Amino acid sequence: MPKLWNETIEAHRRDVREAILMHTSALVAEHGLRSVTMSQIAEKTGIGRATLYKYFPDVETILLAWHERQIAGHLEHLAQVRDQAGEPAARLRAVLETYAHISRRSRRHGDGALMAFLHRDEQVGHAQRRLHDMVRDLLAEGAGVGVLRADVAPDELATYCLYAVAAARELPSDDAVRRLVMVILDACV
């Protein structure tokens, strides 16, 4: 019985944490980073402030936890996309296009202050390195089988690709994103 009890408690804690993250991100999207209070979060989540403080000390910590979860989900999705495509060039295209769409959608996730706050976190740097390594490895694999260029170091070409994909944030449509990715891929063959 104690094991079942502990599992039930842990499941409840995960549910409460998830509700806190979800409601905080919604409140920040609606009111802005500087306007959201712990009292608002507790009320929106349906828990007491004391309970909220048991989970998180402040709004910023909640947002960093939410953002960390988002980043992990994006990286997992990119790995799945990579693993589902066939040959190296197709895998590279799938990863770059998916990342470009993620980048384009992320521009709508809040105000400039929120984005600046979230992107100073070391988790973002770690995720960027993992993404860079993923693209670099795809480029190296493609160069190794002769379908992608081998005259530029994969590490350098990966840096180029990711900086170029960043332009997707400003594009007006999904079609524009696809065209951008095709231009990037042209530089890789």
Protein backbone atom coordinates (compact mmCIF):
# COMPACT_ATOMS: atom_id res chain seq x y z
CA MET A 1 0.00 0.00 0.00
CA PRO A 2 2.77 2.59 0.72
CA LYS A 3 4.15 2.22 -2.83
CA LEU A 4 0.73 2.90 -4.37
CA TRP A 5 0.27 5.84 -2.01
CA ASN A 6 3.65 7.34 -3.06
CA GLU A 7 2.81 6.88 -6.73
CA THR A 8 -0.53 8.62 -6.21
CA ILE A 9 1.14 11.52 -4.42
CA GLU A 10 3.77 11.85 -7.17
CA ALA A 11 1.09 11.80 -9.86
CA HIS A 12 -0.80 14.54 -8.00
CA ARG A 13 2.38 16.64 -7.71
CA ARG A 14 3.05 16.27 -11.44
CA ASP A 15 -0.53 17.33 -12.20
CA VAL A 16 -0.28 20.38 -9.93
CA ARG A 17 3.10 21.35 -11.44
CA GLU A 18 1.70 20.95 -14.96
CA ALA A 19 -1.32 23.12 -14.11
CA ILE A 20 0.95 25.81 -12.66
CA LEU A 21 3.14 25.85 -15.78
CA MET A 22 0.18 25.91 -18.14
CA HIS A 23 -1.74 28.66 -16.34
CA THR A 24 1.36 30.81 -15.82
CA SER A 25 2.26 30.72 -19.51
CA ALA A 26 -1.34 31.66 -20.39
CA LEU A 27 -1.36 34.55 -17.91
CA VAL A 28 1.96 35.87 -19.18
CA ALA A 29 0.77 35.64 -22.79
CA GLU A 30 -2.35 37.58 -21.82
CA HIS A 31 -0.90 40.20 -19.45
CA GLY A 32 2.87 40.31 -20.05
CA LEU A 33 5.79 39.11 -17.95
CA ARG A 34 5.89 42.02 -15.52
CA SER A 35 2.16 41.98 -14.77
CA VAL A 36 1.67 38.43 -13.53
CA THR A 37 1.75 37.78 -9.78
CA MET A 38 1.94 34.62 -7.73
CA SER A 39 -1.55 35.43 -6.39
CA GLN A 40 -2.96 35.46 -9.94
CA ILE A 41 -1.27 32.15 -10.71
CA ALA A 42 -2.61 30.54 -7.54
CA GLU A 43 -6.12 31.77 -8.27
CA LYS A 44 -6.05 30.71 -11.92
CA THR A 45 -4.61 27.29 -11.02
CA GLY A 46 -7.12 26.79 -8.22
CA ILE A 47 -4.57 26.26 -5.46
CA GLY A 48 -3.57 28.26 -2.42
CA ARG A 49 -0.60 30.61 -2.51
CA ALA A 50 1.15 28.58 0.17
CA THR A 51 0.86 25.48 -2.03
CA LEU A 52 2.15 27.42 -5.02
CA TYR A 53 5.20 28.54 -3.05
CA LYS A 54 5.93 24.91 -2.16
CA TYR A 55 6.43 24.29 -5.87
CA PHE A 56 8.04 27.55 -7.06
CA PRO A 57 9.53 30.57 -5.28
CA ASP A 58 8.51 33.14 -7.94
CA VAL A 59 6.98 33.75 -11.35
CA GLU A 60 10.36 33.76 -13.09
CA THR A 61 11.17 30.27 -11.84
CA ILE A 62 7.84 29.01 -13.12
CA LEU A 63 8.49 30.53 -16.54
CA LEU A 64 11.97 29.04 -16.73
CA ALA A 65 10.54 25.59 -15.90
CA TRP A 66 7.86 26.04 -18.57
CA HIS A 67 10.44 27.13 -21.13
CA GLU A 68 12.72 24.22 -20.28
CA ARG A 69 9.84 21.85 -20.93
CA GLN A 70 9.12 23.55 -24.26
CA ILE A 71 12.75 23.28 -25.35
CA ALA A 72 12.96 19.61 -24.43
CA GLY A 73 9.78 18.94 -26.40
CA HIS A 74 11.14 20.74 -29.45
CA LEU A 75 14.41 18.80 -29.36
CA GLU A 76 12.57 15.52 -28.98
CA HIS A 77 10.32 16.40 -31.92
CA LEU A 78 13.33 17.34 -34.08
CA ALA A 79 15.00 14.02 -33.26
CA GLN A 80 11.83 12.15 -34.25
CA VAL A 81 11.63 14.08 -37.52
CA ARG A 82 15.29 13.33 -38.20
CA ASP A 83 14.81 9.63 -37.54
CA GLN A 84 11.73 9.31 -39.75
CA ALA A 85 13.25 10.73 -42.92
CA GLY A 86 15.30 8.56 -45.29
CA GLU A 87 18.64 9.57 -46.69
CA PRO A 88 20.87 12.29 -45.16
CA ALA A 89 19.74 15.19 -47.38
CA ALA A 90 16.07 14.40 -46.71
CA ARG A 91 16.77 14.16 -43.00
CA LEU A 92 18.58 17.50 -43.05
CA ARG A 93 15.71 19.12 -44.93
CA ALA A 94 13.16 17.69 -42.49
CA VAL A 95 15.08 18.96 -39.45
CA LEU A 96 15.73 22.42 -40.90
CA GLU A 97 12.15 22.86 -42.09
CA THR A 98 10.71 21.70 -38.77
CA TYR A 99 13.06 23.98 -36.84
CA ALA A 100 12.17 26.90 -39.13
CA HIS A 101 8.47 26.37 -38.43
CA ILE A 102 9.16 26.18 -34.68
CA SER A 103 11.12 29.43 -34.92
CA ARG A 104 8.38 31.16 -36.88
CA ARG A 105 5.70 30.12 -34.38
CA SER A 106 7.81 31.09 -31.37
CA ARG A 107 7.81 34.75 -32.31
CA ARG A 108 4.16 34.86 -31.22
CA HIS A 109 4.88 33.48 -27.74
CA GLY A 110 5.03 36.74 -25.91
CA ASP A 111 6.51 40.14 -25.65
CA GLY A 112 10.13 41.13 -26.08
CA ALA A 113 10.78 41.27 -22.33
CA LEU A 114 9.58 37.69 -21.91
CA MET A 115 11.69 36.42 -24.79
CA ALA A 116 14.79 38.24 -23.53
CA PHE A 117 14.25 36.83 -20.05
CA LEU A 118 13.72 33.24 -21.21
CA HIS A 119 16.57 33.20 -23.71
CA ARG A 120 19.23 34.23 -21.23
CA ASP A 121 18.84 30.85 -19.50
CA GLU A 122 21.69 28.36 -19.86
CA GLN A 123 19.18 25.71 -20.94
CA VAL A 124 18.79 27.62 -24.20
CA GLY A 125 22.53 27.49 -24.85
CA HIS A 126 22.58 23.76 -24.17
CA ALA A 127 19.64 23.20 -26.54
CA GLN A 128 21.30 25.28 -29.25
CA ARG A 129 24.44 23.15 -28.96
CA ARG A 130 22.38 19.96 -29.24
CA LEU A 131 20.59 21.29 -32.32
CA HIS A 132 23.90 22.41 -33.85
CA ASP A 133 25.36 18.96 -33.24
CA MET A 134 22.32 17.31 -34.83
CA VAL A 135 22.62 19.43 -37.98
CA ARG A 136 26.41 19.04 -38.07
CA ASP A 137 26.10 15.25 -37.87
CA LEU A 138 23.55 15.20 -40.71
CA LEU A 139 25.83 17.36 -42.84
CA ALA A 140 28.82 15.12 -42.10
CA GLU A 141 26.80 12.02 -42.91
CA GLY A 142 25.63 13.55 -46.19
CA ALA A 143 29.15 14.63 -47.11
CA GLY A 144 30.40 11.13 -46.31
CA VAL A 145 28.06 9.54 -48.84
CA GLY A 146 28.57 12.29 -51.42
CA VAL A 147 25.13 13.92 -51.40
CA LEU A 148 26.10 17.07 -49.47
CA ARG A 149 29.11 19.30 -49.90
CA ALA A 150 32.39 18.22 -48.36
CA ASP A 151 34.46 21.34 -49.11
CA VAL A 152 33.19 23.16 -46.00
CA ALA A 153 33.58 21.72 -42.52
CA PRO A 154 30.25 20.34 -41.27
CA ASP A 155 30.61 22.39 -38.09
CA GLU A 156 30.87 25.63 -40.10
CA LEU A 157 28.07 24.67 -42.45
CA ALA A 158 25.82 23.80 -39.49
CA THR A 159 26.43 27.26 -38.05
CA TYR A 160 25.49 28.81 -41.39
CA CYS A 161 22.32 26.70 -41.65
CA LEU A 162 21.08 27.59 -38.19
CA TYR A 163 21.76 31.30 -38.56
CA ALA A 164 19.99 31.26 -41.92
CA VAL A 165 17.00 29.37 -40.48
CA ALA A 166 16.66 32.10 -37.84
CA ALA A 167 15.27 34.32 -40.61
CA ALA A 168 12.13 32.18 -40.54
CA ARG A 169 11.02 34.11 -37.46
CA GLU A 170 10.20 37.07 -39.70
CA LEU A 171 8.59 35.25 -42.61
CA PRO A 172 4.91 35.79 -43.38
CA SER A 173 3.87 32.25 -44.31
CA ASP A 174 4.64 28.55 -44.23
CA ASP A 175 5.34 28.69 -47.97
CA ALA A 176 7.97 31.35 -47.35
CA VAL A 177 9.54 29.09 -44.72
CA ARG A 178 9.74 26.21 -47.20
CA ARG A 179 11.37 28.49 -49.79
CA LEU A 180 13.91 29.68 -47.24
CA VAL A 181 14.83 26.11 -46.35
CA MET A 182 15.30 25.25 -50.03
CA VAL A 183 17.72 28.17 -50.42
CA ILE A 184 19.64 26.99 -47.35
CA LEU A 185 19.77 23.43 -48.68
CA ASP A 186 21.04 24.67 -52.06
CA ALA A 187 24.09 26.00 -50.21
CA CYS A 188 24.69 22.55 -48.71
CA VAL A 189 24.90 20.55 -51.97
